[in-house]
Amino acid sequence: MARYLMQRIFTMFLVALVVVTATFFLMRALPGGPFSSERNVPQAILRNLERKYNLHKPIHEQYLDYVKGVLVWDLGPSFKHKGLTVNDVINRGFPISARLGAISLLISIAIGIPLGILAALRHNTPGDRTISGLAILTAAAPSFVIAGLLQYYLAYTLKLFPAATWGGGHWRYLVLPVITLSSYTLAWIVKLTRSSMLEVVNQDYIRTARAKGLPQLVVVYRHMIKNALVPVVASLGPMTASVLTGSFIVESIFNIPGIGREFVQSITNRDYTVTIGLTVFFSLLLAAFTLICDIALAIIDPRVRLEKEG
């Protein structure tokens, strides 16, 4: 167990290094720079700005300086936000995205898993077809389409919720973004749970349990669900990291000052340090939640060996 954890932690840092390297050089390869604008900046001012942010150094020296900063979690200053560091941007935006994402994820799990189980147990019935059809339709709909429909009908027409304003996290401002953000995740969990349950239903041990005369509820809850949820739990790591860091589109549409919108703005503004820092942050979250889900899998399914080699 300890060896496996050490291997995964080492892999996390290795992935972060690869992400830092790739993002750093890709951002530098783009035309223009962080101080490019429509107005011509005097060369003297431009040189002073480049010296202030160490952009006058050779590219390999800039890279080594940045890697040293990442190792002590000093992601550097923002080029566009005066007086702010990348750490400040993360500390400001991540709590908002995390709250929005956590609510969306809990709703998706609480509704998606029961619906998937119900659809599988009612296989080839009108209920199954209805649930599956709605899940496919929801998963296929882009988030900006769902957001637009919610804004039009619930905000502009019925005036039940704010359309695109942020009120410090009051529940009325959370409803539409949460519905939009959780729609795809919920539909995906429904489909995965249903397909996993259908695979388990025809297994030999399920037939044996029924042949022994066990009640249907016991067979479902003790044998089917436990094994059917293994693929769902395995996929929750990437899903959790993605949802907790916010959706770029959802936060932009609903004007939410979360980390997703900060990332989009940093790319638009060529704010190199913010773009690279948020990318590293995303990758570390993804690796961390994947590790947590692997440990949870070992608890749910004893066949999963945490002590595996490599």
Protein backbone atom coordinates (compact mmCIF):
# COMPACT_ATOMS: atom_id res chain seq x y z
CA MET A 1 0.00 0.00 0.00
CA ALA A 2 2.72 2.45 1.03
CA ARG A 3 4.81 1.55 -2.01
CA TYR A 4 1.84 2.05 -4.31
CA LEU A 5 1.09 5.46 -2.80
CA MET A 6 4.70 6.56 -3.20
CA GLN A 7 4.65 5.46 -6.84
CA ARG A 8 1.47 7.40 -7.52
CA ILE A 9 2.75 10.52 -5.77
CA PHE A 10 5.94 10.33 -7.83
CA THR A 11 3.81 9.95 -10.96
CA MET A 12 1.80 13.03 -9.95
CA PHE A 13 4.93 15.16 -9.80
CA LEU A 14 6.23 13.69 -13.05
CA VAL A 15 2.95 14.53 -14.79
CA ALA A 16 3.09 18.05 -13.34
CA LEU A 17 6.62 18.50 -14.71
CA VAL A 18 5.55 17.36 -18.18
CA VAL A 19 2.53 19.68 -18.06
CA VAL A 20 4.67 22.62 -16.93
CA THR A 21 7.21 22.00 -19.68
CA ALA A 22 4.67 21.55 -22.47
CA THR A 23 2.52 24.51 -21.44
CA PHE A 24 5.52 26.79 -20.86
CA PHE A 25 7.02 26.29 -24.30
CA LEU A 26 3.68 26.25 -26.11
CA MET A 27 2.72 29.60 -24.60
CA ARG A 28 6.11 31.04 -25.53
CA ALA A 29 5.75 29.74 -29.08
CA LEU A 30 2.57 31.74 -29.68
CA PRO A 31 2.98 35.02 -31.56
CA GLY A 32 2.80 38.21 -29.55
CA GLY A 33 3.41 38.56 -25.86
CA PRO A 34 1.78 39.46 -22.55
CA PHE A 35 2.31 43.17 -23.18
CA SER A 36 1.10 43.22 -26.77
CA SER A 37 -1.76 45.64 -27.33
CA GLU A 38 -3.41 47.70 -30.01
CA ARG A 39 -1.39 50.74 -28.97
CA ASN A 40 2.34 50.75 -29.58
CA VAL A 41 4.24 50.46 -26.32
CA PRO A 42 7.46 52.52 -26.24
CA GLN A 43 10.50 50.30 -26.44
CA ALA A 44 11.95 51.69 -23.21
CA ILE A 45 8.79 50.81 -21.26
CA LEU A 46 8.62 47.40 -22.93
CA ARG A 47 12.22 46.64 -21.95
CA ASN A 48 11.53 47.69 -18.35
CA LEU A 49 8.48 45.42 -18.19
CA GLU A 50 10.41 42.50 -19.62
CA ARG A 51 13.21 43.06 -17.11
CA LYS A 52 10.71 43.32 -14.24
CA TYR A 53 9.23 39.92 -15.08
CA ASN A 54 12.56 38.37 -16.17
CA LEU A 55 11.38 38.02 -19.75
CA HIS A 56 14.68 39.39 -21.01
CA LYS A 57 16.47 36.19 -20.00
CA PRO A 58 17.06 33.31 -22.42
CA ILE A 59 14.11 30.94 -22.68
CA HIS A 60 15.87 28.08 -20.90
CA GLU A 61 16.71 30.31 -17.92
CA GLN A 62 13.09 31.46 -17.71
CA TYR A 63 12.01 27.82 -17.73
CA LEU A 64 14.41 26.80 -14.95
CA ASP A 65 13.38 29.78 -12.82
CA TYR A 66 9.73 28.87 -13.25
CA VAL A 67 10.27 25.20 -12.36
CA LYS A 68 12.10 26.27 -9.19
CA GLY A 69 9.12 28.43 -8.27
CA VAL A 70 6.65 25.61 -8.89
CA LEU A 71 8.61 23.30 -6.57
CA VAL A 72 7.95 25.70 -3.66
CA TRP A 73 4.43 26.47 -4.96
CA ASP A 74 5.35 30.00 -5.97
CA LEU A 75 3.65 30.26 -9.34
CA GLY A 76 4.83 33.78 -9.99
CA PRO A 77 3.11 37.13 -10.55
CA SER A 78 0.27 37.77 -12.94
CA PHE A 79 1.28 39.82 -15.96
CA LYS A 80 -2.15 41.42 -16.30
CA HIS A 81 -3.45 41.75 -12.73
CA LYS A 82 -1.33 44.35 -10.98
CA GLY A 83 -0.26 43.28 -7.50
CA LEU A 84 -1.70 39.77 -7.85
CA THR A 85 0.16 36.48 -8.00
CA VAL A 86 -1.04 33.26 -9.58
CA ASN A 87 -1.50 31.89 -6.07
CA ASP A 88 -3.84 34.80 -5.34
CA VAL A 89 -5.84 34.03 -8.49
CA ILE A 90 -6.21 30.39 -7.41
CA ASN A 91 -7.13 31.33 -3.83
CA ARG A 92 -9.73 33.77 -5.13
CA GLY A 93 -11.35 31.64 -7.80
CA PHE A 94 -11.05 28.04 -6.66
CA PRO A 95 -13.38 28.23 -3.59
CA ILE A 96 -16.15 29.53 -5.85
CA SER A 97 -15.61 26.84 -8.48
CA ALA A 98 -15.22 24.15 -5.82
CA ARG A 99 -18.51 25.06 -4.15
CA LEU A 100 -20.34 25.12 -7.45
CA GLY A 101 -18.72 21.87 -8.55
CA ALA A 102 -19.26 20.03 -5.27
CA ILE A 103 -22.99 20.78 -5.29
CA SER A 104 -23.25 19.72 -8.93
CA LEU A 105 -21.33 16.49 -8.32
CA LEU A 106 -23.39 15.53 -5.26
CA ILE A 107 -26.62 16.11 -7.18
CA SER A 108 -25.32 14.07 -10.12
CA ILE A 109 -24.36 11.14 -7.90
CA ALA A 110 -27.49 11.28 -5.74
CA ILE A 111 -29.81 11.27 -8.76
CA GLY A 112 -27.75 9.54 -11.44
CA ILE A 113 -26.91 6.30 -9.63
CA PRO A 114 -30.51 5.51 -8.51
CA LEU A 115 -31.85 6.33 -11.98
CA GLY A 116 -29.25 4.10 -13.61
CA ILE A 117 -30.08 1.24 -11.25
CA LEU A 118 -33.81 1.70 -11.82
CA ALA A 119 -33.37 1.72 -15.60
CA ALA A 120 -31.33 -1.50 -15.48
CA LEU A 121 -33.82 -3.27 -13.23
CA ARG A 122 -36.64 -2.21 -15.58
CA HIS A 123 -34.69 -3.15 -18.70
CA ASN A 124 -36.60 -2.79 -21.99
CA THR A 125 -39.61 -1.21 -20.28
CA PRO A 126 -41.03 2.26 -21.01
CA GLY A 127 -39.34 3.53 -17.84
CA ASP A 128 -35.96 2.27 -19.02
CA ARG A 129 -36.42 3.78 -22.46
CA THR A 130 -37.50 7.12 -21.00
CA ILE A 131 -34.55 7.35 -18.60
CA SER A 132 -32.05 6.20 -21.23
CA GLY A 133 -33.45 8.55 -23.86
CA LEU A 134 -33.33 11.56 -21.56
CA ALA A 135 -29.79 10.66 -20.50
CA ILE A 136 -28.60 10.40 -24.11
CA LEU A 137 -30.33 13.65 -25.06
CA THR A 138 -28.88 15.51 -22.07
CA ALA A 139 -25.37 14.16 -22.62
CA ALA A 140 -25.50 15.16 -26.29
CA ALA A 141 -26.66 18.72 -25.62
CA PRO A 142 -23.80 21.24 -25.31
CA SER A 143 -23.65 23.06 -21.99
CA PHE A 144 -24.08 26.46 -23.65
CA VAL A 145 -27.37 25.25 -25.19
CA ILE A 146 -28.67 24.05 -21.81
CA ALA A 147 -27.52 27.29 -20.19
CA GLY A 148 -29.24 29.37 -22.85
CA LEU A 149 -32.52 27.49 -22.48
CA LEU A 150 -32.44 27.82 -18.70
CA GLN A 151 -31.70 31.53 -18.91
CA TYR A 152 -34.46 32.14 -21.43
CA TYR A 153 -37.25 30.23 -19.70
CA LEU A 154 -36.36 30.42 -15.99
CA ALA A 155 -34.62 33.79 -15.88
CA TYR A 156 -36.01 36.03 -18.63
CA THR A 157 -39.49 34.53 -19.11
CA LEU A 158 -40.48 33.34 -15.63
CA LYS A 159 -37.98 35.57 -13.78
CA LEU A 160 -37.39 32.91 -11.15
CA PHE A 161 -33.60 33.17 -11.02
CA PRO A 162 -30.89 35.67 -12.00
CA ALA A 163 -29.67 35.20 -15.56
CA ALA A 164 -25.96 36.02 -15.51
CA THR A 165 -24.98 37.69 -12.26
CA TRP A 166 -23.10 36.47 -9.22
CA GLY A 167 -24.44 37.31 -5.78
CA GLY A 168 -21.70 35.99 -3.55
CA GLY A 169 -22.96 32.42 -3.54
CA HIS A 170 -26.61 32.99 -2.54
CA TRP A 171 -28.63 29.90 -3.48
CA ARG A 172 -30.69 31.72 -6.12
CA TYR A 173 -27.51 32.50 -8.06
CA LEU A 174 -26.40 28.87 -7.86
CA VAL A 175 -29.49 27.16 -9.28
CA LEU A 176 -29.00 27.70 -13.01
CA PRO A 177 -25.21 27.14 -13.04
CA VAL A 178 -25.59 23.99 -10.93
CA ILE A 179 -28.27 22.56 -13.24
CA THR A 180 -26.14 23.32 -16.28
CA LEU A 181 -22.92 21.95 -14.79
CA SER A 182 -24.53 18.80 -13.41
CA SER A 183 -26.58 17.93 -16.51
CA TYR A 184 -23.83 16.18 -18.46
CA THR A 185 -22.32 14.54 -15.37
CA LEU A 186 -25.71 13.25 -14.24
CA ALA A 187 -26.52 11.84 -17.67
CA TRP A 188 -23.12 10.19 -17.93
CA ILE A 189 -23.50 8.56 -14.48
CA VAL A 190 -26.96 7.28 -15.42
CA LYS A 191 -25.65 5.64 -18.60
CA LEU A 192 -22.58 4.14 -16.93
CA THR A 193 -24.53 2.82 -13.93
CA ARG A 194 -27.19 1.29 -16.18
CA SER A 195 -24.67 -0.46 -18.43
CA SER A 196 -22.69 -1.74 -15.43
CA MET A 197 -25.84 -3.08 -13.78
CA LEU A 198 -26.89 -4.86 -16.97
CA GLU A 199 -23.51 -6.59 -17.12
CA VAL A 200 -23.85 -7.74 -13.51
CA VAL A 201 -27.46 -8.96 -13.78
CA ASN A 202 -26.58 -12.03 -15.85
CA GLN A 203 -23.51 -13.08 -13.89
CA ASP A 204 -23.42 -16.59 -12.41
CA TYR A 205 -23.21 -15.42 -8.81
CA ILE A 206 -26.41 -13.40 -9.26
CA ARG A 207 -28.20 -16.49 -10.57
CA THR A 208 -26.82 -18.46 -7.62
CA ALA A 209 -28.04 -15.87 -5.14
CA ARG A 210 -31.52 -15.96 -6.65
CA ALA A 211 -31.50 -19.76 -6.73
CA LYS A 212 -30.82 -19.74 -3.00
CA GLY A 213 -34.07 -17.86 -2.52
CA LEU A 214 -32.59 -14.54 -1.44
CA PRO A 215 -35.06 -11.65 -1.60
CA GLN A 216 -34.75 -9.35 -4.61
CA LEU A 217 -33.71 -6.38 -2.45
CA VAL A 218 -30.90 -8.40 -0.88
CA VAL A 219 -29.67 -9.55 -4.29
CA VAL A 220 -29.76 -6.01 -5.64
CA TYR A 221 -28.18 -4.15 -2.74
CA ARG A 222 -25.73 -6.77 -1.49
CA HIS A 223 -24.52 -8.25 -4.76
CA MET A 224 -25.49 -6.20 -7.81
CA ILE A 225 -24.89 -2.62 -6.75
CA LYS A 226 -21.56 -3.23 -5.05
CA ASN A 227 -20.04 -4.73 -8.18
CA ALA A 228 -21.82 -2.48 -10.65
CA LEU A 229 -20.50 0.68 -8.99
CA VAL A 230 -16.85 -0.24 -9.58
CA PRO A 231 -16.68 1.41 -13.05
CA VAL A 232 -18.57 4.43 -11.70
CA VAL A 233 -16.14 4.92 -8.82
CA ALA A 234 -13.18 4.45 -11.17
CA SER A 235 -14.40 7.34 -13.32
CA LEU A 236 -15.22 9.69 -10.45
CA GLY A 237 -11.60 10.85 -10.12
CA PRO A 238 -11.30 12.69 -13.44
CA MET A 239 -14.95 13.74 -13.19
CA THR A 240 -14.48 15.25 -9.72
CA ALA A 241 -11.36 17.17 -10.70
CA SER A 242 -13.10 18.50 -13.79
CA VAL A 243 -16.26 19.59 -11.98
CA LEU A 244 -14.53 21.09 -8.93
CA THR A 245 -12.35 23.32 -11.07
CA GLY A 246 -15.43 24.67 -12.77
CA SER A 247 -16.58 24.67 -16.35
CA PHE A 248 -14.98 27.28 -18.57
CA ILE A 249 -18.18 27.70 -20.57
CA VAL A 250 -20.59 27.66 -17.62
CA GLU A 251 -18.62 30.18 -15.60
CA SER A 252 -18.28 32.48 -18.59
CA ILE A 253 -21.99 32.30 -19.48
CA PHE A 254 -23.20 32.94 -15.93
CA ASN A 255 -20.45 35.47 -15.16
CA ILE A 256 -19.10 33.44 -12.24
CA PRO A 257 -15.68 34.62 -10.99
CA GLY A 258 -14.34 31.09 -10.64
CA ILE A 259 -11.09 29.50 -11.67
CA GLY A 260 -12.49 28.35 -15.02
CA ARG A 261 -13.22 31.89 -16.14
CA GLU A 262 -9.82 33.01 -14.87
CA PHE A 263 -8.22 30.37 -17.07
CA VAL A 264 -10.07 31.54 -20.19
CA GLN A 265 -9.17 35.17 -19.50
CA SER A 266 -5.52 34.29 -18.92
CA ILE A 267 -5.32 32.68 -22.37
CA THR A 268 -7.05 35.64 -24.00
CA ASN A 269 -4.74 38.10 -22.24
CA ARG A 270 -1.61 35.98 -22.83
CA ASP A 271 -1.03 35.94 -19.09
CA TYR A 272 1.59 33.20 -19.30
CA THR A 273 2.13 32.59 -15.61
CA VAL A 274 -1.59 32.35 -14.83
CA THR A 275 -2.20 29.97 -17.74
CA ILE A 276 0.69 27.69 -16.79
CA GLY A 277 -0.07 27.87 -13.06
CA LEU A 278 -3.73 26.96 -13.49
CA THR A 279 -2.79 24.14 -15.86
CA VAL A 280 -0.44 22.71 -13.23
CA PHE A 281 -3.16 23.11 -10.60
CA PHE A 282 -5.68 21.25 -12.78
CA SER A 283 -3.25 18.41 -13.47
CA LEU A 284 -2.39 17.95 -9.79
CA LEU A 285 -6.07 17.89 -8.84
CA LEU A 286 -6.74 15.31 -11.54
CA ALA A 287 -3.91 13.08 -10.31
CA ALA A 288 -4.94 13.47 -6.66
CA PHE A 289 -8.59 12.55 -7.21
CA THR A 290 -7.61 9.65 -9.44
CA LEU A 291 -5.45 8.33 -6.61
CA ILE A 292 -8.32 8.72 -4.13
CA CYS A 293 -10.65 6.80 -6.43
CA ASP A 294 -8.08 4.02 -6.85
CA ILE A 295 -7.95 3.62 -3.07
CA ALA A 296 -11.76 3.64 -2.90
CA LEU A 297 -11.83 0.92 -5.55
CA ALA A 298 -9.60 -1.28 -3.43
CA ILE A 299 -12.06 -0.92 -0.56
CA ILE A 300 -15.12 -1.66 -2.70
CA ASP A 301 -13.56 -4.46 -4.75
CA PRO A 302 -10.95 -6.63 -2.98
CA ARG A 303 -9.81 -7.93 -6.37
CA VAL A 304 -8.12 -4.60 -6.99
CA ARG A 305 -4.53 -4.98 -5.81
CA LEU A 306 -2.99 -1.73 -4.65
CA GLU A 307 0.38 -3.43 -4.27
CA LYS A 308 0.66 -4.06 -8.02
CA GLU A 309 4.01 -3.52 -9.63
CA GLY A 310 4.62 -0.39 -11.70
